[in-house]
Amino acid sequence: MKLIVTVVGKDRIGIIAAVTKILADNNVNILSINQNILDGFFNMILFAEAEESKIRLVNLQQKLKEQGEEIGVEIKTQHRDIFDAMHKI
């Protein structure tokens, strides 16, 4: 299963580390990361593959959401097919 993880919020040290640790701990492979900081706000989109992972998507979404709340950013995780369908013109 391919995943899209988006992270938005005020920039601070450790955002990428916090997100990628959860993914690594759950055997999710990161394929690509694109991040930038604009006027103090952090924005990241991460493409990942969860073929080797045993965690259910709903549980991974919850873990990442809770981590985001803890560090003060919004983290959303979607199946790539859903993300693509929502952003098709």
Protein backbone atom coordinates (compact mmCIF):
# COMPACT_ATOMS: atom_id res chain seq x y z
CA MET A 1 0.00 0.00 0.00
CA LYS A 2 1.32 3.43 -0.97
CA LEU A 3 0.77 6.29 1.47
CA ILE A 4 0.88 10.07 1.44
CA VAL A 5 1.75 11.82 4.70
CA THR A 6 1.35 15.59 4.92
CA VAL A 7 2.66 17.72 7.76
CA VAL A 8 1.87 21.41 8.29
CA GLY A 9 2.60 23.69 11.22
CA LYS A 10 4.93 26.14 12.88
CA ASP A 11 8.54 25.13 12.29
CA ARG A 12 10.50 23.59 15.15
CA ILE A 13 13.37 21.20 15.65
CA GLY A 14 12.55 17.49 15.33
CA ILE A 15 9.45 17.42 13.15
CA ILE A 16 10.93 15.16 10.49
CA ALA A 17 12.54 12.94 13.12
CA ALA A 18 9.25 12.50 14.98
CA VAL A 19 7.33 11.54 11.84
CA THR A 20 9.96 9.25 10.35
CA LYS A 21 10.55 7.44 13.67
CA ILE A 22 6.91 6.34 13.75
CA LEU A 23 7.15 5.17 10.15
CA ALA A 24 10.39 3.27 10.77
CA ASP A 25 9.05 1.70 13.98
CA ASN A 26 6.12 0.37 11.92
CA ASN A 27 8.20 -0.91 9.00
CA VAL A 28 6.98 1.75 6.57
CA ASN A 29 9.49 2.58 3.83
CA ILE A 30 9.92 6.23 2.85
CA LEU A 31 10.11 6.70 -0.92
CA SER A 32 10.32 10.49 -1.15
CA ILE A 33 10.19 13.56 1.09
CA ASN A 34 9.63 17.14 -0.01
CA GLN A 35 9.66 19.80 2.68
CA ASN A 36 10.01 23.53 2.90
CA ILE A 37 9.78 26.31 5.42
CA LEU A 38 8.08 29.54 4.46
CA ASP A 39 7.95 32.45 6.85
CA GLY A 40 8.37 30.15 9.86
CA PHE A 41 5.81 27.56 8.75
CA PHE A 42 6.83 23.99 8.00
CA ASN A 43 5.23 22.05 5.15
CA MET A 44 6.10 18.47 4.17
CA ILE A 45 4.70 15.85 1.87
CA LEU A 46 6.07 12.34 2.21
CA PHE A 47 5.46 9.37 -0.07
CA ALA A 48 5.80 5.96 1.58
CA GLU A 49 5.19 2.28 1.00
CA ALA A 50 3.74 0.03 3.69
CA GLU A 51 4.00 -3.34 1.95
CA GLU A 52 6.12 -4.80 4.77
CA SER A 53 4.15 -3.18 7.58
CA LYS A 54 1.75 -5.07 9.81
CA ILE A 55 0.00 -1.94 11.13
CA ARG A 56 -3.47 -1.11 9.86
CA LEU A 57 -3.80 2.24 8.10
CA VAL A 58 -6.31 3.52 10.66
CA ASN A 59 -3.88 2.76 13.50
CA LEU A 60 -0.97 4.44 11.71
CA GLN A 61 -3.15 7.48 11.03
CA GLN A 62 -4.00 7.69 14.73
CA LYS A 63 -0.35 7.37 15.85
CA LEU A 64 0.78 10.09 13.48
CA LYS A 65 -2.14 12.37 14.38
CA GLU A 66 -1.33 12.02 18.09
CA GLN A 67 2.36 12.69 17.42
CA GLY A 68 1.40 15.80 15.49
CA GLU A 69 -0.71 17.06 18.38
CA GLU A 70 2.20 16.43 20.74
CA ILE A 71 4.68 18.44 18.66
CA GLY A 72 2.26 21.13 17.50
CA VAL A 73 1.74 20.25 13.82
CA GLU A 74 -1.06 18.70 11.81
CA ILE A 75 -0.22 15.29 10.33
CA LYS A 76 -2.57 13.63 7.84
CA THR A 77 -2.03 10.18 6.36
CA GLN A 78 -3.94 8.83 3.36
CA HIS A 79 -3.82 5.90 1.01
CA ARG A 80 -2.27 7.21 -2.20
CA ASP A 81 -5.29 6.21 -4.29
CA ILE A 82 -7.56 8.37 -2.09
CA PHE A 83 -5.09 11.28 -2.21
CA ASP A 84 -4.86 11.04 -6.01
CA ALA A 85 -8.66 10.88 -6.41
CA MET A 86 -9.15 13.94 -4.19
CA HIS A 87 -6.60 15.98 -6.14
CA LYS A 88 -7.59 15.03 -9.67
CA ILE A 89 -8.92 17.82 -11.85
